Amino acid sequence: GGCNAQMVALIAEEYSVGKVKVRRLVLAG
């Protein structure tokens, strides 16, 4: 799920055109 979280943050920053913003990220194990 941490791999998933990385991609959520990257997609939100690069491709979501402002629809969703990731403010902070926690990556565990």
mmCIF file of all heavy atoms, coordinates in Angstrom:
data_MODEL
# 
_entry.id   MODEL 
# 
loop_
_atom_site.group_PDB 
_atom_site.id 
_atom_site.type_symbol 
_atom_site.label_atom_id 
_atom_site.label_alt_id 
_atom_site.label_comp_id 
_atom_site.label_asym_id 
_atom_site.label_entity_id 
_atom_site.label_seq_id 
_atom_site.pdbx_PDB_ins_code 
_atom_site.Cartn_x 
_atom_site.Cartn_y 
_atom_site.Cartn_z 
_atom_site.occupancy 
_atom_site.B_iso_or_equiv 
_atom_site.pdbx_formal_charge 
_atom_site.auth_seq_id 
_atom_site.auth_comp_id 
_atom_site.auth_asym_id 
_atom_site.auth_atom_id 
_atom_site.pdbx_PDB_model_num 
ATOM 1   N N   . GLY A 1 1  ? 0.817   -1.211 0.000   1.00 0.00 ? 1  GLY A N   1 
ATOM 2   C CA  . GLY A 1 1  ? 0.000   0.000  0.000   1.00 0.00 ? 1  GLY A CA  1 
ATOM 3   C C   . GLY A 1 1  ? 0.848   1.258  0.000   1.00 0.00 ? 1  GLY A C   1 
ATOM 4   O O   . GLY A 1 1  ? 0.388   2.320  -0.425  1.00 0.00 ? 1  GLY A O   1 
ATOM 5   N N   . GLY A 1 2  ? 2.106   1.150  0.484   1.00 0.00 ? 2  GLY A N   1 
ATOM 6   C CA  . GLY A 1 2  ? 3.018   2.279  0.411   1.00 0.00 ? 2  GLY A CA  1 
ATOM 7   C C   . GLY A 1 2  ? 3.458   2.569  -1.011  1.00 0.00 ? 2  GLY A C   1 
ATOM 8   O O   . GLY A 1 2  ? 3.694   3.732  -1.373  1.00 0.00 ? 2  GLY A O   1 
ATOM 9   N N   . CYS A 1 3  ? 3.571   1.522  -1.830  1.00 0.00 ? 3  CYS A N   1 
ATOM 10  C CA  . CYS A 1 3  ? 3.842   1.730  -3.260  1.00 0.00 ? 3  CYS A CA  1 
ATOM 11  C C   . CYS A 1 3  ? 2.659   2.458  -3.899  1.00 0.00 ? 3  CYS A C   1 
ATOM 12  O O   . CYS A 1 3  ? 2.835   3.379  -4.709  1.00 0.00 ? 3  CYS A O   1 
ATOM 13  C CB  . CYS A 1 3  ? 4.082   0.391  -3.941  1.00 0.00 ? 3  CYS A CB  1 
ATOM 14  S SG  . CYS A 1 3  ? 5.383   -0.614 -3.201  1.00 0.00 ? 3  CYS A SG  1 
ATOM 15  N N   . ASN A 1 4  ? 1.454   2.036  -3.524  1.00 0.00 ? 4  ASN A N   1 
ATOM 16  C CA  . ASN A 1 4  ? 0.240   2.700  -3.984  1.00 0.00 ? 4  ASN A CA  1 
ATOM 17  C C   . ASN A 1 4  ? 0.235   4.166  -3.561  1.00 0.00 ? 4  ASN A C   1 
ATOM 18  O O   . ASN A 1 4  ? -0.054  5.060  -4.365  1.00 0.00 ? 4  ASN A O   1 
ATOM 19  C CB  . ASN A 1 4  ? -0.977  1.964  -3.406  1.00 0.00 ? 4  ASN A CB  1 
ATOM 20  C CG  . ASN A 1 4  ? -2.297  2.409  -4.002  1.00 0.00 ? 4  ASN A CG  1 
ATOM 21  O OD1 . ASN A 1 4  ? -2.346  3.242  -4.900  1.00 0.00 ? 4  ASN A OD1 1 
ATOM 22  N ND2 . ASN A 1 4  ? -3.381  1.867  -3.478  1.00 0.00 ? 4  ASN A ND2 1 
ATOM 23  N N   . ALA A 1 5  ? 0.586   4.426  -2.304  1.00 0.00 ? 5  ALA A N   1 
ATOM 24  C CA  . ALA A 1 5  ? 0.584   5.799  -1.789  1.00 0.00 ? 5  ALA A CA  1 
ATOM 25  C C   . ALA A 1 5  ? 1.575   6.685  -2.540  1.00 0.00 ? 5  ALA A C   1 
ATOM 26  O O   . ALA A 1 5  ? 1.300   7.856  -2.815  1.00 0.00 ? 5  ALA A O   1 
ATOM 27  C CB  . ALA A 1 5  ? 0.904   5.789  -0.300  1.00 0.00 ? 5  ALA A CB  1 
ATOM 28  N N   . GLN A 1 6  ? 2.740   6.132  -2.867  1.00 0.00 ? 6  GLN A N   1 
ATOM 29  C CA  . GLN A 1 6  ? 3.718   6.905  -3.649  1.00 0.00 ? 6  GLN A CA  1 
ATOM 30  C C   . GLN A 1 6  ? 3.119   7.342  -4.978  1.00 0.00 ? 6  GLN A C   1 
ATOM 31  O O   . GLN A 1 6  ? 3.268   8.494  -5.400  1.00 0.00 ? 6  GLN A O   1 
ATOM 32  C CB  . GLN A 1 6  ? 4.971   6.063  -3.908  1.00 0.00 ? 6  GLN A CB  1 
ATOM 33  C CG  . GLN A 1 6  ? 5.796   5.753  -2.690  1.00 0.00 ? 6  GLN A CG  1 
ATOM 34  C CD  . GLN A 1 6  ? 6.901   4.750  -2.990  1.00 0.00 ? 6  GLN A CD  1 
ATOM 35  O OE1 . GLN A 1 6  ? 7.730   4.971  -3.874  1.00 0.00 ? 6  GLN A OE1 1 
ATOM 36  N NE2 . GLN A 1 6  ? 6.913   3.640  -2.269  1.00 0.00 ? 6  GLN A NE2 1 
ATOM 37  N N   . MET A 1 7  ? 2.440   6.403  -5.644  1.00 0.00 ? 7  MET A N   1 
ATOM 38  C CA  . MET A 1 7  ? 1.877   6.714  -6.948  1.00 0.00 ? 7  MET A CA  1 
ATOM 39  C C   . MET A 1 7  ? 0.688   7.666  -6.829  1.00 0.00 ? 7  MET A C   1 
ATOM 40  O O   . MET A 1 7  ? 0.476   8.511  -7.711  1.00 0.00 ? 7  MET A O   1 
ATOM 41  C CB  . MET A 1 7  ? 1.469   5.428  -7.673  1.00 0.00 ? 7  MET A CB  1 
ATOM 42  C CG  . MET A 1 7  ? 2.628   4.471  -7.961  1.00 0.00 ? 7  MET A CG  1 
ATOM 43  S SD  . MET A 1 7  ? 4.062   5.273  -8.737  1.00 0.00 ? 7  MET A SD  1 
ATOM 44  C CE  . MET A 1 7  ? 3.351   5.814  -10.298 1.00 0.00 ? 7  MET A CE  1 
ATOM 45  N N   . VAL A 1 8  ? -0.100  7.556  -5.758  1.00 0.00 ? 8  VAL A N   1 
ATOM 46  C CA  . VAL A 1 8  ? -1.186  8.528  -5.536  1.00 0.00 ? 8  VAL A CA  1 
ATOM 47  C C   . VAL A 1 8  ? -0.600  9.940  -5.459  1.00 0.00 ? 8  VAL A C   1 
ATOM 48  O O   . VAL A 1 8  ? -1.098  10.872 -6.103  1.00 0.00 ? 8  VAL A O   1 
ATOM 49  C CB  . VAL A 1 8  ? -1.970  8.202  -4.249  1.00 0.00 ? 8  VAL A CB  1 
ATOM 50  C CG1 . VAL A 1 8  ? -2.915  9.353  -3.901  1.00 0.00 ? 8  VAL A CG1 1 
ATOM 51  C CG2 . VAL A 1 8  ? -2.763  6.913  -4.405  1.00 0.00 ? 8  VAL A CG2 1 
ATOM 52  N N   . ALA A 1 9  ? 0.458   10.099 -4.670  1.00 0.00 ? 9  ALA A N   1 
ATOM 53  C CA  . ALA A 1 9  ? 1.067   11.417 -4.510  1.00 0.00 ? 9  ALA A CA  1 
ATOM 54  C C   . ALA A 1 9  ? 1.644   11.925 -5.832  1.00 0.00 ? 9  ALA A C   1 
ATOM 55  O O   . ALA A 1 9  ? 1.492   13.106 -6.178  1.00 0.00 ? 9  ALA A O   1 
ATOM 56  C CB  . ALA A 1 9  ? 2.157   11.366 -3.448  1.00 0.00 ? 9  ALA A CB  1 
ATOM 57  N N   . LEU A 1 10 ? 2.293   11.042 -6.587  1.00 0.00 ? 10 LEU A N   1 
ATOM 58  C CA  . LEU A 1 10 ? 2.907   11.455 -7.852  1.00 0.00 ? 10 LEU A CA  1 
ATOM 59  C C   . LEU A 1 10 ? 1.847   11.790 -8.904  1.00 0.00 ? 10 LEU A C   1 
ATOM 60  O O   . LEU A 1 10 ? 1.963   12.787 -9.625  1.00 0.00 ? 10 LEU A O   1 
ATOM 61  C CB  . LEU A 1 10 ? 3.830   10.353 -8.361  1.00 0.00 ? 10 LEU A CB  1 
ATOM 62  C CG  . LEU A 1 10 ? 5.114   10.158 -7.541  1.00 0.00 ? 10 LEU A CG  1 
ATOM 63  C CD1 . LEU A 1 10 ? 5.811   8.868  -7.940  1.00 0.00 ? 10 LEU A CD1 1 
ATOM 64  C CD2 . LEU A 1 10 ? 6.051   11.351 -7.716  1.00 0.00 ? 10 LEU A CD2 1 
ATOM 65  N N   . ILE A 1 11 ? 0.802   10.956 -8.988  1.00 0.00 ? 11 ILE A N   1 
ATOM 66  C CA  . ILE A 1 11 ? -0.264  11.225 -9.953  1.00 0.00 ? 11 ILE A CA  1 
ATOM 67  C C   . ILE A 1 11 ? -0.991  12.513 -9.592  1.00 0.00 ? 11 ILE A C   1 
ATOM 68  O O   . ILE A 1 11 ? -1.298  13.343 -10.456 1.00 0.00 ? 11 ILE A O   1 
ATOM 69  C CB  . ILE A 1 11 ? -1.250  10.050 -10.026 1.00 0.00 ? 11 ILE A CB  1 
ATOM 70  C CG1 . ILE A 1 11 ? -0.573  8.840  -10.657 1.00 0.00 ? 11 ILE A CG1 1 
ATOM 71  C CG2 . ILE A 1 11 ? -2.499  10.435 -10.826 1.00 0.00 ? 11 ILE A CG2 1 
ATOM 72  C CD1 . ILE A 1 11 ? -1.403  7.567  -10.607 1.00 0.00 ? 11 ILE A CD1 1 
ATOM 73  N N   . ALA A 1 12 ? -1.279  12.707 -8.308  1.00 0.00 ? 12 ALA A N   1 
ATOM 74  C CA  . ALA A 1 12 ? -1.982  13.916 -7.882  1.00 0.00 ? 12 ALA A CA  1 
ATOM 75  C C   . ALA A 1 12 ? -1.172  15.156 -8.233  1.00 0.00 ? 12 ALA A C   1 
ATOM 76  O O   . ALA A 1 12 ? -1.731  16.187 -8.637  1.00 0.00 ? 12 ALA A O   1 
ATOM 77  C CB  . ALA A 1 12 ? -2.245  13.872 -6.375  1.00 0.00 ? 12 ALA A CB  1 
ATOM 78  N N   . GLU A 1 13 ? 0.131   15.069 -8.107  1.00 0.00 ? 13 GLU A N   1 
ATOM 79  C CA  . GLU A 1 13 ? 0.984   16.222 -8.395  1.00 0.00 ? 13 GLU A CA  1 
ATOM 80  C C   . GLU A 1 13 ? 1.124   16.475 -9.883  1.00 0.00 ? 13 GLU A C   1 
ATOM 81  O O   . GLU A 1 13 ? 1.164   17.614 -10.341 1.00 0.00 ? 13 GLU A O   1 
ATOM 82  C CB  . GLU A 1 13 ? 2.375   16.003 -7.784  1.00 0.00 ? 13 GLU A CB  1 
ATOM 83  C CG  . GLU A 1 13 ? 3.298   17.208 -7.936  1.00 0.00 ? 13 GLU A CG  1 
ATOM 84  C CD  . GLU A 1 13 ? 4.448   17.165 -6.956  1.00 0.00 ? 13 GLU A CD  1 
ATOM 85  O OE1 . GLU A 1 13 ? 4.202   17.260 -5.754  1.00 0.00 ? 13 GLU A OE1 1 
ATOM 86  O OE2 . GLU A 1 13 ? 5.595   17.054 -7.410  1.00 0.00 ? 13 GLU A OE2 1 
ATOM 87  N N   . GLU A 1 14 ? 1.167   15.400 -10.680 1.00 0.00 ? 14 GLU A N   1 
ATOM 88  C CA  . GLU A 1 14 ? 1.493   15.550 -12.088 1.00 0.00 ? 14 GLU A CA  1 
ATOM 89  C C   . GLU A 1 14 ? 0.279   15.588 -13.021 1.00 0.00 ? 14 GLU A C   1 
ATOM 90  O O   . GLU A 1 14 ? 0.287   16.297 -14.023 1.00 0.00 ? 14 GLU A O   1 
ATOM 91  C CB  . GLU A 1 14 ? 2.403   14.400 -12.529 1.00 0.00 ? 14 GLU A CB  1 
ATOM 92  C CG  . GLU A 1 14 ? 3.755   14.410 -11.832 1.00 0.00 ? 14 GLU A CG  1 
ATOM 93  C CD  . GLU A 1 14 ? 4.622   13.240 -12.271 1.00 0.00 ? 14 GLU A CD  1 
ATOM 94  O OE1 . GLU A 1 14 ? 4.355   12.682 -13.348 1.00 0.00 ? 14 GLU A OE1 1 
ATOM 95  O OE2 . GLU A 1 14 ? 5.551   12.889 -11.535 1.00 0.00 ? 14 GLU A OE2 1 
ATOM 96  N N   . TYR A 1 15 ? -0.760  14.795 -12.698 1.00 0.00 ? 15 TYR A N   1 
ATOM 97  C CA  . TYR A 1 15 ? -1.783  14.552 -13.710 1.00 0.00 ? 15 TYR A CA  1 
ATOM 98  C C   . TYR A 1 15 ? -3.220  14.882 -13.322 1.00 0.00 ? 15 TYR A C   1 
ATOM 99  O O   . TYR A 1 15 ? -4.097  14.869 -14.173 1.00 0.00 ? 15 TYR A O   1 
ATOM 100 C CB  . TYR A 1 15 ? -1.743  13.075 -14.135 1.00 0.00 ? 15 TYR A CB  1 
ATOM 101 C CG  . TYR A 1 15 ? -0.392  12.619 -14.596 1.00 0.00 ? 15 TYR A CG  1 
ATOM 102 C CD1 . TYR A 1 15 ? 0.285   11.615 -13.928 1.00 0.00 ? 15 TYR A CD1 1 
ATOM 103 C CD2 . TYR A 1 15 ? 0.222   13.200 -15.705 1.00 0.00 ? 15 TYR A CD2 1 
ATOM 104 C CE1 . TYR A 1 15 ? 1.547   11.189 -14.343 1.00 0.00 ? 15 TYR A CE1 1 
ATOM 105 C CE2 . TYR A 1 15 ? 1.467   12.787 -16.130 1.00 0.00 ? 15 TYR A CE2 1 
ATOM 106 C CZ  . TYR A 1 15 ? 2.128   11.783 -15.450 1.00 0.00 ? 15 TYR A CZ  1 
ATOM 107 O OH  . TYR A 1 15 ? 3.364   11.367 -15.855 1.00 0.00 ? 15 TYR A OH  1 
ATOM 108 N N   . SER A 1 16 ? -3.487  15.137 -12.057 1.00 0.00 ? 16 SER A N   1 
ATOM 109 C CA  . SER A 1 16 ? -4.893  15.269 -11.666 1.00 0.00 ? 16 SER A CA  1 
ATOM 110 C C   . SER A 1 16 ? -5.454  16.664 -11.932 1.00 0.00 ? 16 SER A C   1 
ATOM 111 O O   . SER A 1 16 ? -6.622  16.918 -11.695 1.00 0.00 ? 16 SER A O   1 
ATOM 112 C CB  . SER A 1 16 ? -5.082  14.929 -10.182 1.00 0.00 ? 16 SER A CB  1 
ATOM 113 O OG  . SER A 1 16 ? -4.447  15.899 -9.375  1.00 0.00 ? 16 SER A OG  1 
ATOM 114 N N   . VAL A 1 17 ? -4.623  17.561 -12.441 1.00 0.00 ? 17 VAL A N   1 
ATOM 115 C CA  . VAL A 1 17 ? -5.040  18.908 -12.837 1.00 0.00 ? 17 VAL A CA  1 
ATOM 116 C C   . VAL A 1 17 ? -5.807  19.597 -11.714 1.00 0.00 ? 17 VAL A C   1 
ATOM 117 O O   . VAL A 1 17 ? -6.865  20.183 -11.912 1.00 0.00 ? 17 VAL A O   1 
ATOM 118 C CB  . VAL A 1 17 ? -5.894  18.871 -14.134 1.00 0.00 ? 17 VAL A CB  1 
ATOM 119 C CG1 . VAL A 1 17 ? -5.959  20.268 -14.754 1.00 0.00 ? 17 VAL A CG1 1 
ATOM 120 C CG2 . VAL A 1 17 ? -5.309  17.906 -15.140 1.00 0.00 ? 17 VAL A CG2 1 
ATOM 121 N N   . GLY A 1 18 ? -5.272  19.476 -10.500 1.00 0.00 ? 18 GLY A N   1 
ATOM 122 C CA  . GLY A 1 18 ? -5.847  20.208 -9.386  1.00 0.00 ? 18 GLY A CA  1 
ATOM 123 C C   . GLY A 1 18 ? -7.070  19.582 -8.762  1.00 0.00 ? 18 GLY A C   1 
ATOM 124 O O   . GLY A 1 18 ? -7.623  20.129 -7.812  1.00 0.00 ? 18 GLY A O   1 
ATOM 125 N N   . LYS A 1 19 ? -7.528  18.409 -9.269  1.00 0.00 ? 19 LYS A N   1 
ATOM 126 C CA  . LYS A 1 19 ? -8.725  17.796 -8.701  1.00 0.00 ? 19 LYS A CA  1 
ATOM 127 C C   . LYS A 1 19 ? -8.490  17.288 -7.287  1.00 0.00 ? 19 LYS A C   1 
ATOM 128 O O   . LYS A 1 19 ? -9.366  17.365 -6.433  1.00 0.00 ? 19 LYS A O   1 
ATOM 129 C CB  . LYS A 1 19 ? -9.202  16.654 -9.599  1.00 0.00 ? 19 LYS A CB  1 
ATOM 130 C CG  . LYS A 1 19 ? -9.756  17.119 -10.949 1.00 0.00 ? 19 LYS A CG  1 
ATOM 131 C CD  . LYS A 1 19 ? -10.230 15.939 -11.765 1.00 0.00 ? 19 LYS A CD  1 
ATOM 132 C CE  . LYS A 1 19 ? -10.803 16.390 -13.104 1.00 0.00 ? 19 LYS A CE  1 
ATOM 133 N NZ  . LYS A 1 19 ? -11.239 15.239 -13.932 1.00 0.00 ? 19 LYS A NZ  1 
ATOM 134 N N   . VAL A 1 20 ? -7.317  16.719 -7.052  1.00 0.00 ? 20 VAL A N   1 
ATOM 135 C CA  . VAL A 1 20 ? -6.957  16.200 -5.740  1.00 0.00 ? 20 VAL A CA  1 
ATOM 136 C C   . VAL A 1 20 ? -5.517  16.603 -5.425  1.00 0.00 ? 20 VAL A C   1 
ATOM 137 O O   . VAL A 1 20 ? -4.624  16.415 -6.252  1.00 0.00 ? 20 VAL A O   1 
ATOM 138 C CB  . VAL A 1 20 ? -7.080  14.664 -5.669  1.00 0.00 ? 20 VAL A CB  1 
ATOM 139 C CG1 . VAL A 1 20 ? -6.598  14.151 -4.308  1.00 0.00 ? 20 VAL A CG1 1 
ATOM 140 C CG2 . VAL A 1 20 ? -8.511  14.213 -5.913  1.00 0.00 ? 20 VAL A CG2 1 
ATOM 141 N N   . LYS A 1 21 ? -5.314  17.138 -4.245  1.00 0.00 ? 21 LYS A N   1 
ATOM 142 C CA  . LYS A 1 21 ? -3.975  17.506 -3.805  1.00 0.00 ? 21 LYS A CA  1 
ATOM 143 C C   . LYS A 1 21 ? -3.581  16.645 -2.609  1.00 0.00 ? 21 LYS A C   1 
ATOM 144 O O   . LYS A 1 21 ? -4.366  16.467 -1.684  1.00 0.00 ? 21 LYS A O   1 
ATOM 145 C CB  . LYS A 1 21 ? -3.930  18.983 -3.403  1.00 0.00 ? 21 LYS A CB  1 
ATOM 146 C CG  . LYS A 1 21 ? -2.573  19.442 -2.883  1.00 0.00 ? 21 LYS A CG  1 
ATOM 147 C CD  . LYS A 1 21 ? -2.618  20.901 -2.476  1.00 0.00 ? 21 LYS A CD  1 
ATOM 148 C CE  . LYS A 1 21 ? -1.263  21.337 -1.910  1.00 0.00 ? 21 LYS A CE  1 
ATOM 149 N NZ  . LYS A 1 21 ? -1.293  22.761 -1.472  1.00 0.00 ? 21 LYS A NZ  1 
ATOM 150 N N   . VAL A 1 22 ? -2.362  16.095 -2.645  1.00 0.00 ? 22 VAL A N   1 
ATOM 151 C CA  . VAL A 1 22 ? -1.819  15.379 -1.496  1.00 0.00 ? 22 VAL A CA  1 
ATOM 152 C C   . VAL A 1 22 ? -0.956  16.354 -0.715  1.00 0.00 ? 22 VAL A C   1 
ATOM 153 O O   . VAL A 1 22 ? 0.018   16.885 -1.232  1.00 0.00 ? 22 VAL A O   1 
ATOM 154 C CB  . VAL A 1 22 ? -1.013  14.135 -1.921  1.00 0.00 ? 22 VAL A CB  1 
ATOM 155 C CG1 . VAL A 1 22 ? -0.354  13.487 -0.706  1.00 0.00 ? 22 VAL A CG1 1 
ATOM 156 C CG2 . VAL A 1 22 ? -1.915  13.133 -2.628  1.00 0.00 ? 22 VAL A CG2 1 
ATOM 157 N N   . ARG A 1 23 ? -1.322  16.572 0.546   1.00 0.00 ? 23 ARG A N   1 
ATOM 158 C CA  . ARG A 1 23 ? -0.620  17.544 1.386   1.00 0.00 ? 23 ARG A CA  1 
ATOM 159 C C   . ARG A 1 23 ? 0.614   16.938 2.038   1.00 0.00 ? 23 ARG A C   1 
ATOM 160 O O   . ARG A 1 23 ? 1.706   17.512 2.008   1.00 0.00 ? 23 ARG A O   1 
ATOM 161 C CB  . ARG A 1 23 ? -1.576  18.065 2.463   1.00 0.00 ? 23 ARG A CB  1 
ATOM 162 C CG  . ARG A 1 23 ? -1.039  19.214 3.301   1.00 0.00 ? 23 ARG A CG  1 
ATOM 163 C CD  . ARG A 1 23 ? -2.028  19.547 4.425   1.00 0.00 ? 23 ARG A CD  1 
ATOM 164 N NE  . ARG A 1 23 ? -2.064  18.496 5.428   1.00 0.00 ? 23 ARG A NE  1 
ATOM 165 C CZ  . ARG A 1 23 ? -1.662  18.637 6.693   1.00 0.00 ? 23 ARG A CZ  1 
ATOM 166 N NH1 . ARG A 1 23 ? -1.213  19.808 7.118   1.00 0.00 ? 23 ARG A NH1 1 
ATOM 167 N NH2 . ARG A 1 23 ? -1.737  17.631 7.540   1.00 0.00 ? 23 ARG A NH2 1 
ATOM 168 N N   . ARG A 1 24 ? 0.455   15.755 2.640   1.00 0.00 ? 24 ARG A N   1 
ATOM 169 C CA  . ARG A 1 24 ? 1.548   15.048 3.297   1.00 0.00 ? 24 ARG A CA  1 
ATOM 170 C C   . ARG A 1 24 ? 1.409   13.552 3.071   1.00 0.00 ? 24 ARG A C   1 
ATOM 171 O O   . ARG A 1 24 ? 0.304   13.050 2.835   1.00 0.00 ? 24 ARG A O   1 
ATOM 172 C CB  . ARG A 1 24 ? 1.598   15.370 4.799   1.00 0.00 ? 24 ARG A CB  1 
ATOM 173 C CG  . ARG A 1 24 ? 2.055   16.799 5.024   1.00 0.00 ? 24 ARG A CG  1 
ATOM 174 C CD  . ARG A 1 24 ? 2.132   17.204 6.461   1.00 0.00 ? 24 ARG A CD  1 
ATOM 175 N NE  . ARG A 1 24 ? 2.353   18.662 6.493   1.00 0.00 ? 24 ARG A NE  1 
ATOM 176 C CZ  . ARG A 1 24 ? 2.233   19.419 7.553   1.00 0.00 ? 24 ARG A CZ  1 
ATOM 177 N NH1 . ARG A 1 24 ? 1.911   18.881 8.710   1.00 0.00 ? 24 ARG A NH1 1 
ATOM 178 N NH2 . ARG A 1 24 ? 2.459   20.710 7.487   1.00 0.00 ? 24 ARG A NH2 1 
ATOM 179 N N   . LEU A 1 25 ? 2.537   12.864 3.195   1.00 0.00 ? 25 LEU A N   1 
ATOM 180 C CA  . LEU A 1 25 ? 2.597   11.444 2.847   1.00 0.00 ? 25 LEU A CA  1 
ATOM 181 C C   . LEU A 1 25 ? 3.301   10.684 3.971   1.00 0.00 ? 25 LEU A C   1 
ATOM 182 O O   . LEU A 1 25 ? 4.332   11.130 4.482   1.00 0.00 ? 25 LEU A O   1 
ATOM 183 C CB  . LEU A 1 25 ? 3.376   11.299 1.537   1.00 0.00 ? 25 LEU A CB  1 
ATOM 184 C CG  . LEU A 1 25 ? 3.543   9.921  0.908   1.00 0.00 ? 25 LEU A CG  1 
ATOM 185 C CD1 . LEU A 1 25 ? 2.192   9.340  0.519   1.00 0.00 ? 25 LEU A CD1 1 
ATOM 186 C CD2 . LEU A 1 25 ? 4.440   10.036 -0.333  1.00 0.00 ? 25 LEU A CD2 1 
ATOM 187 N N   . VAL A 1 26 ? 2.723   9.530  4.351   1.00 0.00 ? 26 VAL A N   1 
ATOM 188 C CA  . VAL A 1 26 ? 3.342   8.641  5.334   1.00 0.00 ? 26 VAL A CA  1 
ATOM 189 C C   . VAL A 1 26 ? 3.579   7.298  4.658   1.00 0.00 ? 26 VAL A C   1 
ATOM 190 O O   . VAL A 1 26 ? 2.639   6.675  4.154   1.00 0.00 ? 26 VAL A O   1 
ATOM 191 C CB  . VAL A 1 26 ? 2.457   8.448  6.583   1.00 0.00 ? 26 VAL A CB  1 
ATOM 192 C CG1 . VAL A 1 26 ? 3.162   7.535  7.594   1.00 0.00 ? 26 VAL A CG1 1 
ATOM 193 C CG2 . VAL A 1 26 ? 2.123   9.791  7.220   1.00 0.00 ? 26 VAL A CG2 1 
ATOM 194 N N   . LEU A 1 27 ? 4.835   6.854  4.639   1.00 0.00 ? 27 LEU A N   1 
ATOM 195 C CA  . LEU A 1 27 ? 5.218   5.597  4.001   1.00 0.00 ? 27 LEU A CA  1 
ATOM 196 C C   . LEU A 1 27 ? 5.744   4.651  5.068   1.00 0.00 ? 27 LEU A C   1 
ATOM 197 O O   . LEU A 1 27 ? 6.782   4.907  5.684   1.00 0.00 ? 27 LEU A O   1 
ATOM 198 C CB  . LEU A 1 27 ? 6.290   5.848  2.935   1.00 0.00 ? 27 LEU A CB  1 
ATOM 199 C CG  . LEU A 1 27 ? 5.880   6.795  1.800   1.00 0.00 ? 27 LEU A CG  1 
ATOM 200 C CD1 . LEU A 1 27 ? 7.057   7.045  0.867   1.00 0.00 ? 27 LEU A CD1 1 
ATOM 201 C CD2 . LEU A 1 27 ? 4.690   6.229  1.026   1.00 0.00 ? 27 LEU A CD2 1 
ATOM 202 N N   . ALA A 1 28 ? 5.041   3.549  5.285   1.00 0.00 ? 28 ALA A N   1 
ATOM 203 C CA  . ALA A 1 28 ? 5.349   2.639  6.385   1.00 0.00 ? 28 ALA A CA  1 
ATOM 204 C C   . ALA A 1 28 ? 5.723   1.257  5.858   1.00 0.00 ? 28 ALA A C   1 
ATOM 205 O O   . ALA A 1 28 ? 4.940   0.633  5.133   1.00 0.00 ? 28 ALA A O   1 
ATOM 206 C CB  . ALA A 1 28 ? 4.142   2.517  7.319   1.00 0.00 ? 28 ALA A CB  1 
ATOM 207 N N   . GLY A 1 29 ? 6.925   0.798  6.184   1.00 0.00 ? 29 GLY A N   1 
ATOM 208 C CA  . GLY A 1 29 ? 7.343   -0.541 5.820   1.00 0.00 ? 29 GLY A CA  1 
ATOM 209 C C   . GLY A 1 29 ? 7.216   -0.822 4.343   1.00 0.00 ? 29 GLY A C   1 
ATOM 210 O O   . GLY A 1 29 ? 6.693   -1.859 3.939   1.00 0.00 ? 29 GLY A O   1 
# 
